[in-house]
Amino acid sequence: MKWIQIDIDPLKSDFPSGEFPTDMRIQGDCAVILQQVLDVVEARADDAYRRRVSERIAAGAALREASAKRRAAPAPTRALAARSTPPRVRDAERKAVAGRRPPQ
């Protein structure tokens, strides 16, 4: 089973396009049902399952940390951008800017 829809109105009978494919539809309060699912998962969890979950959480933490470092890094400077721009493009940009300057 891959996709379960939990909703007060899982068929969305009031909406003409509310239906989408699911493996199972459960009518009820999402908060109550998800707590029941969590209780069952925790009751059935063995050491191997808990280890796999811990490994997935640790892998996600490493990815989040790398992403945060990339976001915190300073943006490339203008000089760096100029070095990575081909000379013919820089020349064309300079000419375009020079043509827009008011006469002195």
Protein backbone atom coordinates (compact mmCIF):
# COMPACT_ATOMS: atom_id res chain seq x y z
CA MET A 1 0.00 0.00 0.00
CA LYS A 2 1.46 3.36 -1.02
CA TRP A 3 -1.19 6.06 -0.78
CA ILE A 4 -3.83 6.40 1.93
CA GLN A 5 -6.24 9.33 2.02
CA ILE A 6 -7.53 10.32 5.46
CA ASP A 7 -10.26 12.93 5.43
CA ILE A 8 -13.63 13.82 6.90
CA ASP A 9 -14.98 13.52 3.34
CA PRO A 10 -12.53 11.27 1.45
CA LEU A 11 -14.77 11.02 -1.61
CA LYS A 12 -15.11 14.80 -1.85
CA SER A 13 -18.63 14.34 -3.12
CA ASP A 14 -19.22 18.10 -3.12
CA PHE A 15 -16.27 18.70 -5.46
CA PRO A 16 -16.56 17.57 -9.09
CA SER A 17 -12.80 17.02 -9.46
CA GLY A 18 -11.99 16.05 -5.88
CA GLU A 19 -11.21 12.40 -6.56
CA PHE A 20 -7.66 11.21 -7.10
CA PRO A 21 -6.23 7.70 -7.11
CA THR A 22 -5.51 6.16 -3.71
CA ASP A 23 -4.91 2.68 -2.37
CA MET A 24 -7.23 3.25 0.58
CA ARG A 25 -9.66 5.94 1.75
CA ILE A 26 -10.35 6.41 5.46
CA GLN A 27 -13.09 8.70 6.69
CA GLY A 28 -12.29 10.46 9.96
CA ASP A 29 -10.39 13.14 11.83
CA CYS A 30 -6.78 13.19 10.56
CA ALA A 31 -5.29 14.04 13.97
CA VAL A 32 -7.04 11.12 15.67
CA ILE A 33 -6.27 8.60 12.93
CA LEU A 34 -2.62 9.62 12.56
CA GLN A 35 -2.13 9.28 16.32
CA GLN A 36 -3.61 5.77 16.11
CA VAL A 37 -1.24 4.92 13.23
CA LEU A 38 1.72 6.27 15.23
CA ASP A 39 0.70 4.18 18.24
CA VAL A 40 0.61 1.01 16.10
CA VAL A 41 3.96 1.76 14.44
CA GLU A 42 5.62 2.40 17.81
CA ALA A 43 4.13 -0.80 19.27
CA ARG A 44 5.41 -2.90 16.35
CA ALA A 45 8.83 -1.24 16.08
CA ASP A 46 11.76 -3.52 16.85
CA ASP A 47 15.43 -2.61 17.27
CA ALA A 48 16.22 -3.06 13.57
CA TYR A 49 13.38 -0.73 12.59
CA ARG A 50 14.47 1.89 15.13
CA ARG A 51 18.06 1.67 13.83
CA ARG A 52 16.92 2.22 10.22
CA VAL A 53 14.82 5.21 11.29
CA SER A 54 17.77 6.69 13.20
CA GLU A 55 20.02 6.26 10.15
CA ARG A 56 17.47 8.00 7.90
CA ILE A 57 17.12 10.87 10.36
CA ALA A 58 20.92 11.23 10.60
CA ALA A 59 21.23 11.25 6.80
CA GLY A 60 18.57 13.93 6.60
CA ALA A 61 20.35 16.03 9.24
CA ALA A 62 23.57 15.92 7.21
CA LEU A 63 21.70 17.03 4.09
CA ARG A 64 19.98 19.86 5.98
CA GLU A 65 23.32 21.01 7.40
CA ALA A 66 24.93 21.07 3.94
CA SER A 67 21.97 22.99 2.56
CA ALA A 68 22.16 25.52 5.40
CA LYS A 69 25.87 26.08 4.71
CA ARG A 70 25.15 26.72 1.03
CA ARG A 71 22.41 29.22 1.92
CA ALA A 72 24.65 30.98 4.46
CA ALA A 73 27.60 31.30 2.05
CA PRO A 74 28.05 34.78 0.60
CA ALA A 75 26.84 35.34 -2.92
CA PRO A 76 29.52 35.50 -5.62
CA THR A 77 31.11 38.92 -5.92
CA ARG A 78 30.87 41.03 -9.04
CA ALA A 79 34.55 40.33 -9.80
CA LEU A 80 33.92 36.59 -9.67
CA ALA A 81 30.92 36.98 -11.95
CA ALA A 82 33.00 39.06 -14.36
CA ARG A 83 35.69 36.37 -14.50
CA SER A 84 33.13 33.74 -15.38
CA THR A 85 31.49 35.86 -18.11
CA PRO A 86 33.00 35.41 -21.59
CA PRO A 87 34.83 38.53 -22.88
CA ARG A 88 32.49 38.99 -25.87
CA VAL A 89 29.48 39.11 -23.52
CA ARG A 90 31.21 41.62 -21.20
CA ASP A 91 32.08 43.80 -24.23
CA ALA A 92 28.47 43.72 -25.44
CA GLU A 93 27.22 44.65 -21.96
CA ARG A 94 29.66 47.57 -21.73
CA LYS A 95 28.56 48.90 -25.14
CA ALA A 96 24.89 48.61 -24.18
CA VAL A 97 25.45 50.47 -20.92
CA ALA A 98 27.58 53.12 -22.62
CA GLY A 99 24.80 53.73 -25.18
CA ARG A 100 22.30 54.47 -22.40
CA ARG A 101 24.44 57.06 -20.62
CA PRO A 102 23.32 60.66 -21.05
CA PRO A 103 25.76 62.88 -22.96
CA GLN A 104 28.17 64.79 -20.74
